[in-house]
Amino acid sequence: MARLCEGRVVIVTGAGRGIGRGHALEFARQGAKVVVNDLGSEMDGTGGSTGPAAEVVQEIKDAGGEAVVNGDDVSDWDGAKRLIDTAINTFGRLDVLVNNAGILRDRMLVNMTIEEWDAVIRVHLRGTFAPLHWAGVHWRERSKAGEDVDARVINTSSSSGIYGNPGQTNYGAAKAGIAAMTIISSLELARYGVTVNAVAPAALTRMTENLSQIRQARDPGGASAGAMDYSAHGQAESGAFDPTSPDNIAPLVVWLGSTESRGVTGRVFNVRGAHISVAEGWVAGPAVDKGSRWDPEELGSVIPDLVARAAPNANTRGERA
């Protein structure tokens, strides 16, 4: 029986640990050839080592798969091109790009420094745009050469961006931008045979272990899921399914990277544990049209009524009260 991504060439950024590691391993299990990209930096983006990526590559090779390490900075314009070139030069082409790399520098708005803002925006937003640009160039060239391209991009957004979370103005703004980038690029790249989707994952990793939303999802017995060892299928060593495992995000991402997902594009999916939902974006709600220019004084009785009739904003989990 053929595996879901047999022979497809996949890049996963930030694949040395956590959610990205799970993506890389599952793509390999499903027959893909994987470029494992990771700087090996700390959670705040400082430092670096190819060690984590090399360990993932070795794990893939030990299981009989094909993989190669790439240590380029995805937020660097030339580094992003080298990343795409790594796939092309090693495996002959690129079929799937998973933009997963990220850092955190959480702080309340009034305490955040410009350096903390710039660092997070650079890694997440520019670090998604740059690889996507160079991958898009590659697919456009193949399409114009007459090839039937069937390519995929899976970006990583967050509930912090599409629903909001205090203390993460930098991270949330970047992730909201990635959601918008996903929709727009899906419209632009469709002509070349490329679909673009995004996931907003919730899992317990070194980046999220201090967030209350994830802590509340831990097992009822109160054990720290961060101290557990996970198999490749989102289960603790005991064999019980653990909804906080970062490996639970990979099945959806791998399916979105397969040829089966050709009809799905421009969507953002929430995924945590075994729960998957489609994030529904901004829509035009209650409206009023006077037919001529408003006087500011008139709006005091208009805007509060519109807001009262509008659906409330979703909470951090994407749910309305």
Protein backbone atom coordinates (compact mmCIF):
# COMPACT_ATOMS: atom_id res chain seq x y z
CA MET A 1 0.00 0.00 0.00
CA ALA A 2 1.42 3.36 -1.08
CA ARG A 3 2.17 5.83 1.66
CA LEU A 4 0.41 9.20 1.65
CA CYS A 5 3.41 11.32 0.59
CA GLU A 6 5.46 8.71 -1.25
CA GLY A 7 8.32 10.38 -3.11
CA ARG A 8 7.30 13.95 -2.30
CA VAL A 9 10.05 16.40 -1.38
CA VAL A 10 9.28 18.37 1.77
CA ILE A 11 10.93 21.21 3.66
CA VAL A 12 10.02 21.68 7.32
CA THR A 13 11.43 24.76 9.03
CA GLY A 14 12.05 24.75 12.77
CA ALA A 15 12.07 20.96 12.60
CA GLY A 16 14.69 20.17 15.23
CA ARG A 17 12.30 20.04 18.16
CA GLY A 18 8.65 20.10 19.17
CA ILE A 19 5.92 20.44 16.57
CA GLY A 20 8.33 20.75 13.64
CA ARG A 21 10.15 17.58 14.63
CA GLY A 22 6.82 15.75 14.61
CA HIS A 23 6.08 17.08 11.13
CA ALA A 24 9.42 15.93 9.75
CA LEU A 25 9.17 12.44 11.23
CA GLU A 26 5.59 11.90 10.05
CA PHE A 27 6.34 13.13 6.52
CA ALA A 28 9.23 10.66 6.41
CA ARG A 29 7.02 7.84 7.68
CA GLN A 30 4.61 8.67 4.88
CA GLY A 31 7.34 8.29 2.27
CA ALA A 32 8.55 11.87 1.82
CA LYS A 33 12.13 13.02 1.40
CA VAL A 34 12.64 15.70 4.04
CA VAL A 35 14.82 18.77 4.38
CA VAL A 36 15.06 19.33 8.14
CA ASN A 37 15.70 23.01 8.74
CA ASP A 38 16.58 24.32 12.19
CA LEU A 39 18.95 26.90 13.65
CA GLY A 40 19.01 25.04 16.95
CA SER A 41 18.48 28.31 18.81
CA GLU A 42 17.02 28.90 22.25
CA MET A 43 13.33 29.69 22.68
CA ASP A 44 14.00 33.43 22.38
CA GLY A 45 15.99 32.97 19.17
CA THR A 46 19.47 33.33 20.64
CA GLY A 47 22.30 30.87 20.05
CA GLY A 48 22.32 28.14 17.47
CA SER A 49 23.38 24.61 16.61
CA THR A 50 22.59 22.11 13.87
CA GLY A 51 22.55 19.37 16.50
CA PRO A 52 18.76 19.08 16.90
CA ALA A 53 18.20 18.97 13.13
CA ALA A 54 20.96 16.39 12.69
CA GLU A 55 19.33 14.18 15.32
CA VAL A 56 16.02 14.27 13.45
CA VAL A 57 17.74 13.48 10.16
CA GLN A 58 19.53 10.54 11.75
CA GLU A 59 16.25 9.26 13.19
CA ILE A 60 14.70 9.39 9.73
CA LYS A 61 17.66 7.63 8.14
CA ASP A 62 17.71 4.96 10.86
CA ALA A 63 14.10 4.20 9.95
CA GLY A 64 15.03 3.82 6.27
CA GLY A 65 14.00 7.28 5.10
CA GLU A 66 15.77 10.08 3.24
CA ALA A 67 16.55 13.42 4.86
CA VAL A 68 19.12 16.18 4.91
CA VAL A 69 20.00 18.94 7.37
CA ASN A 70 19.70 22.62 6.55
CA GLY A 71 20.83 25.22 9.09
CA ASP A 72 19.95 28.43 7.26
CA ASP A 73 18.11 31.33 8.89
CA VAL A 74 14.68 31.42 7.24
CA SER A 75 14.30 35.13 7.99
CA ASP A 76 17.43 35.90 5.96
CA TRP A 77 16.64 36.55 2.29
CA ASP A 78 19.64 34.67 0.91
CA GLY A 79 19.37 32.00 3.60
CA ALA A 80 15.77 31.31 2.59
CA LYS A 81 16.85 30.85 -1.02
CA ARG A 82 19.60 28.46 0.05
CA LEU A 83 16.97 26.48 1.95
CA ILE A 84 14.84 26.05 -1.16
CA ASP A 85 17.94 25.27 -3.20
CA THR A 86 18.89 22.56 -0.69
CA ALA A 87 15.73 20.64 -1.58
CA ILE A 88 16.19 21.17 -5.32
CA ASN A 89 19.90 20.33 -5.39
CA THR A 90 19.53 17.28 -3.11
CA PHE A 91 16.26 15.76 -4.29
CA GLY A 92 15.63 17.41 -7.67
CA ARG A 93 12.60 19.53 -6.79
CA LEU A 94 10.34 20.79 -4.01
CA ASP A 95 6.73 19.70 -3.47
CA VAL A 96 5.86 20.87 0.05
CA LEU A 97 6.98 23.78 2.22
CA VAL A 98 6.03 23.75 5.90
CA ASN A 99 6.77 27.10 7.55
CA ASN A 100 7.01 26.26 11.24
CA ALA A 101 10.07 28.09 12.63
CA GLY A 102 9.39 30.54 15.44
CA ILE A 103 10.53 32.15 18.67
CA LEU A 104 8.87 33.81 21.67
CA ARG A 105 9.66 37.03 23.47
CA ASP A 106 6.46 37.55 25.42
CA ARG A 107 5.89 40.76 27.32
CA MET A 108 2.99 43.08 28.01
CA LEU A 109 2.63 45.91 25.50
CA VAL A 110 3.75 48.67 27.87
CA ASN A 111 6.92 46.75 28.78
CA MET A 112 7.88 45.39 25.36
CA THR A 113 11.06 46.71 23.78
CA ILE A 114 11.48 47.45 20.10
CA GLU A 115 14.12 44.72 19.94
CA GLU A 116 11.63 42.15 21.29
CA TRP A 117 9.05 43.32 18.74
CA ASP A 118 11.46 43.23 15.80
CA ALA A 119 12.94 39.83 16.66
CA VAL A 120 9.59 38.06 16.76
CA ILE A 121 8.19 39.79 13.68
CA ARG A 122 11.36 38.96 11.75
CA VAL A 123 11.44 35.26 12.56
CA HIS A 124 7.73 34.57 12.18
CA LEU A 125 6.51 36.95 9.51
CA ARG A 126 9.61 37.50 7.40
CA GLY A 127 10.67 33.90 8.13
CA THR A 128 7.44 32.72 6.50
CA PHE A 129 7.46 35.18 3.61
CA ALA A 130 11.06 34.60 2.48
CA PRO A 131 10.89 30.79 2.01
CA LEU A 132 7.40 31.14 0.53
CA HIS A 133 8.70 33.66 -2.00
CA TRP A 134 11.55 31.46 -3.19
CA ALA A 135 9.38 28.34 -3.24
CA GLY A 136 6.80 30.26 -5.27
CA VAL A 137 9.48 31.27 -7.76
CA HIS A 138 10.52 27.62 -8.12
CA TRP A 139 6.94 26.46 -8.73
CA ARG A 140 6.20 29.28 -11.16
CA GLU A 141 9.25 28.35 -13.22
CA ARG A 142 8.21 24.70 -13.29
CA SER A 143 4.64 25.62 -14.25
CA LYS A 144 5.77 27.93 -17.04
CA ALA A 145 8.01 25.14 -18.34
CA GLY A 146 4.86 23.05 -18.85
CA GLU A 147 5.13 20.83 -15.78
CA ASP A 148 1.98 19.80 -13.92
CA VAL A 149 2.83 21.23 -10.50
CA ASP A 150 0.95 19.86 -7.50
CA ALA A 151 2.63 21.70 -4.62
CA ARG A 152 1.67 22.60 -1.06
CA VAL A 153 2.45 25.24 1.53
CA ILE A 154 1.44 24.83 5.14
CA ASN A 155 2.07 27.89 7.30
CA THR A 156 1.88 28.10 11.08
CA SER A 157 -0.45 30.67 12.59
CA SER A 158 -1.70 30.71 16.19
CA SER A 159 -4.78 31.32 18.29
CA SER A 160 -2.82 34.26 19.71
CA GLY A 161 -2.97 35.86 16.29
CA ILE A 162 -6.42 34.98 15.04
CA TYR A 163 -8.22 35.24 18.41
CA GLY A 164 -5.85 37.20 20.66
CA ASN A 165 -3.86 36.53 23.83
CA PRO A 166 -2.54 39.10 26.35
CA GLY A 167 1.21 39.47 26.54
CA GLN A 168 1.82 38.52 22.92
CA THR A 169 1.33 41.63 20.81
CA ASN A 170 4.48 40.84 18.80
CA TYR A 171 3.78 37.12 18.39
CA GLY A 172 0.05 37.61 17.80
CA ALA A 173 0.59 40.32 15.22
CA ALA A 174 3.02 38.08 13.34
CA LYS A 175 0.67 35.10 13.47
CA ALA A 176 -2.30 37.19 12.32
CA GLY A 177 -0.13 38.38 9.45
CA ILE A 178 0.69 34.79 8.56
CA ALA A 179 -3.02 33.96 8.43
CA ALA A 180 -3.57 36.87 6.04
CA MET A 181 -0.49 35.89 4.02
CA THR A 182 -1.91 32.38 3.72
CA ILE A 183 -5.17 33.59 2.20
CA ILE A 184 -3.56 36.07 -0.18
CA SER A 185 -0.79 33.75 -1.38
CA SER A 186 -3.33 30.97 -1.96
CA LEU A 187 -5.05 33.27 -4.45
CA GLU A 188 -1.79 34.25 -6.14
CA LEU A 189 -0.22 30.79 -6.39
CA ALA A 190 -3.30 28.81 -7.47
CA ARG A 191 -2.47 29.42 -11.15
CA TYR A 192 0.79 27.52 -10.67
CA GLY A 193 -0.78 24.44 -9.06
CA VAL A 194 0.02 25.42 -5.47
CA THR A 195 -2.30 25.32 -2.47
CA VAL A 196 -1.58 27.34 0.67
CA ASN A 197 -3.12 26.59 4.05
CA ALA A 198 -2.20 27.22 7.67
CA VAL A 199 -2.60 25.54 11.03
CA ALA A 200 -3.05 27.18 14.42
CA PRO A 201 -1.71 24.45 16.71
CA ALA A 202 -2.06 23.99 20.45
CA ALA A 203 0.43 21.62 22.07
CA LEU A 204 2.81 21.44 24.98
CA THR A 205 6.30 22.39 23.81
CA ARG A 206 9.15 24.38 25.29
CA MET A 207 7.55 27.48 23.71
CA THR A 208 4.14 26.94 25.28
CA GLU A 209 4.77 25.15 28.55
CA ASN A 210 4.15 28.31 30.56
CA LEU A 211 0.90 29.30 28.85
CA SER A 212 -2.18 28.69 30.97
CA GLN A 213 -4.20 27.48 28.01
CA ILE A 214 -1.88 24.55 27.54
CA ARG A 215 -1.43 23.85 31.24
CA GLN A 216 -5.19 23.46 31.55
CA ALA A 217 -5.11 20.78 28.85
CA ARG A 218 -2.79 18.52 30.83
CA ASP A 219 -3.92 15.14 32.00
CA PRO A 220 -6.53 15.11 34.81
CA GLY A 221 -4.10 13.40 37.15
CA GLY A 222 -2.03 16.57 37.22
CA ALA A 223 1.22 15.10 35.86
CA SER A 224 3.36 17.50 33.91
CA ALA A 225 3.08 16.48 30.29
CA GLY A 226 6.31 18.33 29.61
CA ALA A 227 8.17 15.65 31.56
CA MET A 228 6.71 12.75 29.58
CA ASP A 229 8.41 10.94 26.74
CA TYR A 230 6.30 10.72 23.60
CA SER A 231 6.12 8.17 20.87
CA ALA A 232 5.69 9.26 17.27
CA HIS A 233 1.92 9.14 17.56
CA GLY A 234 1.02 11.55 20.33
CA GLN A 235 1.02 8.97 23.10
CA ALA A 236 2.83 8.94 26.39
CA GLU A 237 5.14 6.05 27.17
CA SER A 238 2.23 4.48 29.07
CA GLY A 239 0.35 4.16 25.77
CA ALA A 240 -2.42 6.58 26.73
CA PHE A 241 -3.31 9.28 24.22
CA ASP A 242 -2.00 12.64 25.41
CA PRO A 243 -3.80 15.61 23.83
CA THR A 244 -0.93 17.95 24.66
CA SER A 245 1.72 16.08 22.67
CA PRO A 246 3.25 18.16 19.86
CA ASP A 247 3.16 15.09 17.61
CA ASN A 248 -0.63 15.37 17.36
CA ILE A 249 -0.33 18.31 14.94
CA ALA A 250 1.55 16.35 12.26
CA PRO A 251 -1.28 14.19 10.83
CA LEU A 252 -3.23 17.23 9.60
CA VAL A 253 -0.10 18.94 8.26
CA VAL A 254 1.00 15.79 6.44
CA TRP A 255 -2.44 15.33 4.90
CA LEU A 256 -2.43 18.97 3.78
CA GLY A 257 0.97 18.24 2.19
CA SER A 258 -0.33 15.25 0.26
CA THR A 259 -1.89 15.08 -3.20
CA GLU A 260 -5.24 14.29 -1.56
CA SER A 261 -5.59 17.90 -0.36
CA ARG A 262 -5.58 19.48 -3.82
CA GLY A 263 -9.08 20.94 -3.39
CA VAL A 264 -8.35 22.66 -0.06
CA THR A 265 -6.64 26.04 -0.08
CA GLY A 266 -6.69 29.40 1.65
CA ARG A 267 -7.90 28.00 4.98
CA VAL A 268 -6.64 28.15 8.55
CA PHE A 269 -7.22 25.10 10.75
CA ASN A 270 -7.24 24.97 14.54
CA VAL A 271 -5.74 21.73 15.81
CA ARG A 272 -5.11 20.51 19.36
CA GLY A 273 -4.98 16.89 20.40
CA ALA A 274 -7.54 15.04 18.29
CA HIS A 275 -9.65 18.18 17.77
CA ILE A 276 -9.62 19.87 14.35
CA SER A 277 -11.74 22.84 13.33
CA VAL A 278 -11.76 25.40 10.54
CA ALA A 279 -11.05 28.95 11.68
CA GLU A 280 -13.63 31.25 10.14
CA GLY A 281 -12.10 34.63 9.34
CA TRP A 282 -13.30 38.19 9.47
CA VAL A 283 -16.74 38.75 7.95
CA ALA A 284 -18.79 41.93 7.45
CA GLY A 285 -21.39 41.91 10.24
CA PRO A 286 -24.28 44.29 11.00
CA ALA A 287 -24.14 47.38 8.81
CA VAL A 288 -25.78 50.72 8.21
CA ASP A 289 -25.57 53.01 5.20
CA LYS A 290 -26.83 56.60 5.46
CA GLY A 291 -26.24 57.34 1.80
CA SER A 292 -24.33 60.53 2.55
CA ARG A 293 -21.39 61.65 4.70
CA TRP A 294 -21.81 61.01 8.41
CA ASP A 295 -21.47 63.73 11.02
CA PRO A 296 -19.46 62.43 14.00
CA GLU A 297 -22.28 63.46 16.34
CA GLU A 298 -24.68 61.09 14.59
CA LEU A 299 -22.57 58.03 15.25
CA GLY A 300 -23.12 58.04 19.00
CA SER A 301 -26.46 56.32 18.48
CA VAL A 302 -25.33 54.20 15.51
CA ILE A 303 -22.05 52.48 16.42
CA PRO A 304 -23.13 51.10 19.84
CA ASP A 305 -26.18 49.54 18.15
CA LEU A 306 -24.02 47.91 15.47
CA VAL A 307 -21.69 46.50 18.12
CA ALA A 308 -24.63 45.23 20.17
CA ARG A 309 -25.97 43.34 17.15
CA ALA A 310 -22.57 41.95 16.13
CA ALA A 311 -21.30 38.55 17.24
CA PRO A 312 -18.77 38.85 20.09
CA ASN A 313 -15.09 38.26 19.47
CA ALA A 314 -14.02 34.67 20.04
CA ASN A 315 -12.01 33.82 23.14
CA THR A 316 -8.42 32.57 22.94
CA ARG A 317 -9.67 29.08 22.12
CA GLY A 318 -11.70 30.41 19.20
CA GLU A 319 -15.02 29.95 20.97
CA ARG A 320 -17.81 32.46 21.48
CA ALA A 321 -19.47 32.60 24.88
